[in-house]
Amino acid sequence: MPQESAHRETRTLLERDRLGALVRLEPAETGTAAKSIVERDTGLARWWLRRLARRLAAREASVLAALARLPQVPRLAAWDGRRLQREWIEGSAMPRAQPSDRVYFREALRLLRRMHAAGVVHNRLAHAPNWLVTRDGSPALIDFQWALRPRYRSRWFRALAYEDLRDLLAHKQARCAGALTARQRNILAHGSCFSRPWVRTAWPLDLAVARLVRGGQGSIFSNSSVGKSPGRKYR
């Protein structure tokens, strides 16, 4: 069961959209063993999106449970069918921290491989704030709302995993281009098998749904390299 807010002193709103609210809950007393928690409350979603919000939260809970052994991923604290609570990871978002060293991106690639090995694709890695730089300079990942953990590693899974990789390499190209290998540059230059079909069909639909879900704040899936025009900027 989610931890009761009565035991929390500070509630800081992190994000609010039509799928609900994301709030940081901090311990009432400093020096206690309790840790900060991030809570996603689907009960605050618009009524016509509440079922979708809860389905996504349930899927996120399943993904976080599957990734419990990865220290660079938030621990699942609780899920009661309405509110999902996960561990708060201390760190700075990539746009603020601007990591530019080879070590960070080498560790980020290792993290990505371990996530894919666990059968999970993130689908929003082009969104730079989903990458954190922790206090010791290591990478961490957050926001698994649109992540997938399919039963089989199908061609579709491999294509999504490939796009996860391209999204990471795009960040590396923007911040540490000199460390890109020839193979990584080739991956950036060539999308997966569904990149072009996505541009022509699913991408416009994705943007239309985004206007409903997020009030027009871009693509709901990832602002991904899937379907990006050459001049489109990552955010």
Protein backbone atom coordinates (compact mmCIF):
# COMPACT_ATOMS: atom_id res chain seq x y z
CA MET A 1 0.00 0.00 0.00
CA PRO A 2 1.19 3.58 -0.66
CA GLN A 3 2.73 5.36 2.27
CA GLU A 4 0.29 7.68 3.99
CA SER A 5 0.77 11.38 3.35
CA ALA A 6 0.26 11.99 7.08
CA HIS A 7 3.83 10.79 7.53
CA ARG A 8 5.08 13.23 4.90
CA GLU A 9 5.74 16.89 5.50
CA THR A 10 6.29 18.26 2.02
CA ARG A 11 4.33 17.59 -1.16
CA THR A 12 5.93 19.16 -4.21
CA LEU A 13 4.06 19.05 -7.50
CA LEU A 14 6.44 17.92 -10.24
CA GLU A 15 4.04 17.58 -13.15
CA ARG A 16 0.33 17.74 -13.90
CA ASP A 17 -1.36 16.64 -17.10
CA ARG A 18 -4.57 14.93 -18.15
CA LEU A 19 -3.23 11.55 -17.01
CA GLY A 20 -2.96 12.71 -13.39
CA ALA A 21 -0.36 14.32 -11.15
CA LEU A 22 3.24 13.56 -10.23
CA VAL A 23 4.19 14.65 -6.69
CA ARG A 24 7.34 14.36 -4.59
CA LEU A 25 6.69 13.31 -0.99
CA GLU A 26 9.50 14.11 1.44
CA PRO A 27 10.02 12.72 4.98
CA ALA A 28 8.40 14.68 7.78
CA GLU A 29 11.57 14.55 9.86
CA THR A 30 15.14 14.91 8.68
CA GLY A 31 17.56 12.19 9.66
CA THR A 32 14.94 9.43 9.57
CA ALA A 33 15.33 6.22 7.59
CA ALA A 34 12.44 7.23 5.32
CA LYS A 35 13.33 8.30 1.81
CA SER A 36 11.71 10.72 -0.59
CA ILE A 37 9.03 9.16 -2.76
CA VAL A 38 7.57 10.14 -6.13
CA GLU A 39 3.84 9.47 -6.36
CA ARG A 40 1.81 9.26 -9.56
CA ASP A 41 -1.88 9.72 -8.73
CA THR A 42 -4.09 8.48 -11.56
CA GLY A 43 -7.20 9.42 -9.59
CA LEU A 44 -6.55 13.01 -10.69
CA ALA A 45 -6.64 12.08 -14.37
CA ARG A 46 -9.47 13.38 -16.54
CA TRP A 47 -12.37 10.96 -16.26
CA TRP A 48 -12.21 10.00 -19.92
CA LEU A 49 -8.49 9.13 -19.62
CA ARG A 50 -8.57 7.53 -16.17
CA ARG A 51 -8.66 3.96 -17.46
CA LEU A 52 -5.69 4.62 -19.73
CA ALA A 53 -3.79 6.35 -16.90
CA ARG A 54 -4.29 3.39 -14.58
CA ARG A 55 -3.33 0.91 -17.26
CA LEU A 56 -0.10 2.84 -17.91
CA ALA A 57 0.63 3.06 -14.18
CA ALA A 58 0.08 -0.68 -13.76
CA ARG A 59 2.46 -1.32 -16.63
CA GLU A 60 5.02 1.06 -15.12
CA ALA A 61 4.78 -0.80 -11.80
CA SER A 62 5.42 -4.08 -13.60
CA VAL A 63 8.42 -2.62 -15.44
CA LEU A 64 9.96 -1.16 -12.27
CA ALA A 65 9.54 -4.49 -10.51
CA ALA A 66 11.34 -6.22 -13.37
CA LEU A 67 14.21 -3.72 -13.12
CA ALA A 68 14.55 -3.94 -9.33
CA ARG A 69 18.16 -5.12 -9.58
CA LEU A 70 19.30 -2.08 -11.52
CA PRO A 71 20.54 0.57 -9.05
CA GLN A 72 20.19 3.35 -11.63
CA VAL A 73 16.42 2.85 -11.89
CA PRO A 74 13.85 3.94 -9.25
CA ARG A 75 12.67 1.23 -6.87
CA LEU A 76 8.96 0.50 -6.88
CA ALA A 77 7.58 1.43 -3.44
CA ALA A 78 3.88 0.68 -3.88
CA TRP A 79 1.01 0.35 -6.35
CA ASP A 80 -2.60 0.07 -5.17
CA GLY A 81 -4.45 0.38 -8.46
CA ARG A 82 -4.67 4.16 -8.25
CA ARG A 83 -1.43 5.58 -6.86
CA LEU A 84 2.02 4.44 -7.89
CA GLN A 85 4.92 5.28 -5.60
CA ARG A 86 8.56 4.94 -6.54
CA GLU A 87 11.90 5.89 -5.08
CA TRP A 88 13.23 9.41 -5.63
CA ILE A 89 16.71 9.38 -7.22
CA GLU A 90 18.85 12.35 -6.26
CA GLY A 91 20.49 13.95 -9.27
CA SER A 92 20.30 16.59 -11.98
CA ALA A 93 18.49 16.19 -15.28
CA MET A 94 20.68 15.95 -18.34
CA PRO A 95 19.72 19.40 -19.74
CA ARG A 96 20.92 21.02 -16.50
CA ALA A 97 23.95 18.84 -15.76
CA GLN A 98 25.12 18.65 -19.41
CA PRO A 99 27.34 15.55 -19.05
CA SER A 100 30.16 15.69 -21.57
CA ASP A 101 32.62 13.00 -20.52
CA ARG A 102 33.10 9.56 -22.08
CA VAL A 103 32.66 7.73 -18.80
CA TYR A 104 29.07 8.94 -18.34
CA PHE A 105 27.97 7.82 -21.79
CA ARG A 106 29.84 4.53 -21.50
CA GLU A 107 27.97 3.80 -18.25
CA ALA A 108 24.70 5.00 -19.83
CA LEU A 109 25.17 2.50 -22.66
CA ARG A 110 25.83 -0.25 -20.12
CA LEU A 111 22.65 0.71 -18.24
CA LEU A 112 20.67 0.64 -21.49
CA ARG A 113 21.97 -2.82 -22.36
CA ARG A 114 21.06 -4.17 -18.92
CA MET A 115 17.56 -2.70 -19.23
CA HIS A 116 17.06 -4.32 -22.63
CA ALA A 117 18.48 -7.61 -21.30
CA ALA A 118 15.71 -7.50 -18.66
CA GLY A 119 13.20 -7.32 -21.51
CA VAL A 120 12.29 -3.62 -21.14
CA VAL A 121 12.26 -0.82 -23.70
CA HIS A 122 11.88 2.74 -22.39
CA ASN A 123 10.42 4.59 -25.42
CA ARG A 124 11.11 8.09 -24.07
CA LEU A 125 14.89 8.32 -23.99
CA ALA A 126 15.01 11.17 -26.49
CA HIS A 127 13.42 13.29 -23.75
CA ALA A 128 16.66 14.49 -22.11
CA PRO A 129 15.17 15.12 -18.60
CA ASN A 130 14.56 11.37 -18.33
CA TRP A 131 18.35 10.96 -18.06
CA LEU A 132 19.83 11.96 -14.70
CA VAL A 133 23.36 12.65 -13.56
CA THR A 134 23.57 11.40 -9.97
CA ARG A 135 25.76 12.86 -7.24
CA ASP A 136 28.65 10.55 -8.13
CA GLY A 137 28.35 11.38 -11.82
CA SER A 138 26.65 8.14 -12.82
CA PRO A 139 23.66 7.95 -15.19
CA ALA A 140 20.17 7.04 -14.02
CA LEU A 141 16.81 6.69 -15.77
CA ILE A 142 13.34 7.84 -14.73
CA ASP A 143 9.82 8.10 -16.20
CA PHE A 144 8.85 4.58 -17.25
CA GLN A 145 5.23 5.54 -17.91
CA TRP A 146 5.45 4.58 -21.59
CA ALA A 147 7.94 1.73 -21.18
CA LEU A 148 7.11 -1.74 -22.48
CA ARG A 149 7.99 -5.23 -21.28
CA PRO A 150 6.59 -7.55 -23.95
CA ARG A 151 6.37 -11.28 -23.41
CA TYR A 152 8.51 -12.08 -26.44
CA ARG A 153 11.56 -10.40 -27.93
CA SER A 154 9.96 -9.93 -31.29
CA ARG A 155 11.13 -7.87 -34.23
CA TRP A 156 9.03 -5.03 -32.81
CA PHE A 157 10.88 -5.23 -29.46
CA ARG A 158 14.26 -5.21 -31.21
CA ALA A 159 13.24 -2.20 -33.29
CA LEU A 160 12.15 -0.26 -30.19
CA ALA A 161 15.37 -1.21 -28.39
CA TYR A 162 17.33 0.02 -31.41
CA GLU A 163 15.52 3.36 -31.23
CA ASP A 164 16.29 3.58 -27.50
CA LEU A 165 19.95 3.21 -28.47
CA ARG A 166 19.69 5.86 -31.19
CA ASP A 167 18.14 8.27 -28.70
CA LEU A 168 21.05 7.79 -26.29
CA LEU A 169 23.58 8.19 -29.09
CA ALA A 170 21.88 11.42 -30.18
CA HIS A 171 22.48 12.82 -26.68
CA LYS A 172 26.08 11.65 -26.87
CA GLN A 173 26.48 13.30 -30.26
CA ALA A 174 25.17 16.59 -28.86
CA ARG A 175 27.40 16.55 -25.77
CA CYS A 176 30.39 14.28 -26.43
CA ALA A 177 30.59 13.88 -30.21
CA GLY A 178 34.30 13.11 -30.21
CA ALA A 179 33.65 9.87 -28.33
CA LEU A 180 31.28 8.43 -30.96
CA THR A 181 32.63 5.34 -32.68
CA ALA A 182 32.24 4.70 -36.40
CA ARG A 183 29.59 2.07 -35.64
CA GLN A 184 27.66 4.48 -33.43
CA ARG A 185 27.68 7.13 -36.15
CA ASN A 186 26.33 4.54 -38.56
CA ILE A 187 23.53 3.65 -36.13
CA LEU A 188 22.59 7.34 -35.86
CA ALA A 189 22.45 7.60 -39.63
CA HIS A 190 20.13 4.63 -40.10
CA GLY A 191 16.77 4.24 -38.39
CA SER A 192 15.01 0.97 -37.66
CA CYS A 193 12.68 -0.82 -40.04
CA PHE A 194 9.62 1.17 -38.96
CA SER A 195 11.09 4.70 -38.88
CA ARG A 196 9.71 5.79 -42.25
CA PRO A 197 6.26 4.18 -41.81
CA TRP A 198 6.11 5.94 -38.41
CA VAL A 199 6.72 9.32 -40.04
CA ARG A 200 3.94 8.81 -42.58
CA THR A 201 1.27 7.25 -40.36
CA ALA A 202 1.73 6.84 -36.60
CA TRP A 203 3.68 10.07 -35.96
CA PRO A 204 0.82 12.45 -36.92
CA LEU A 205 -1.60 10.35 -34.84
CA ASP A 206 0.84 10.40 -31.92
CA LEU A 207 0.99 14.18 -32.03
CA ALA A 208 -2.80 14.42 -32.16
CA VAL A 209 -3.15 12.19 -29.09
CA ALA A 210 -0.49 14.28 -27.34
CA ARG A 211 -2.65 17.38 -27.69
CA LEU A 212 -5.40 15.55 -25.83
CA VAL A 213 -3.23 13.96 -23.14
CA ARG A 214 -0.59 16.62 -22.48
CA GLY A 215 -2.27 19.74 -23.72
CA GLY A 216 -0.19 19.87 -26.89
CA GLN A 217 3.26 19.33 -25.35
CA GLY A 218 4.79 17.31 -28.16
CA SER A 219 4.77 13.56 -28.71
CA ILE A 220 3.56 11.31 -25.91
CA PHE A 221 5.80 8.41 -26.86
CA SER A 222 9.27 9.84 -26.84
CA ASN A 223 10.02 12.81 -29.08
CA SER A 224 12.08 9.92 -30.35
CA SER A 225 14.51 9.64 -33.18
CA VAL A 226 11.78 7.48 -34.71
CA GLY A 227 10.20 9.81 -37.19
CA LYS A 228 12.31 12.85 -36.46
CA SER A 229 13.12 15.18 -39.26
CA PRO A 230 16.85 15.98 -39.54
CA GLY A 231 16.41 19.45 -38.11
CA ARG A 232 14.16 18.53 -35.19
CA LYS A 233 15.70 19.36 -31.83
CA TYR A 234 15.65 17.13 -28.78
CA ARG A 235 14.20 18.62 -25.62
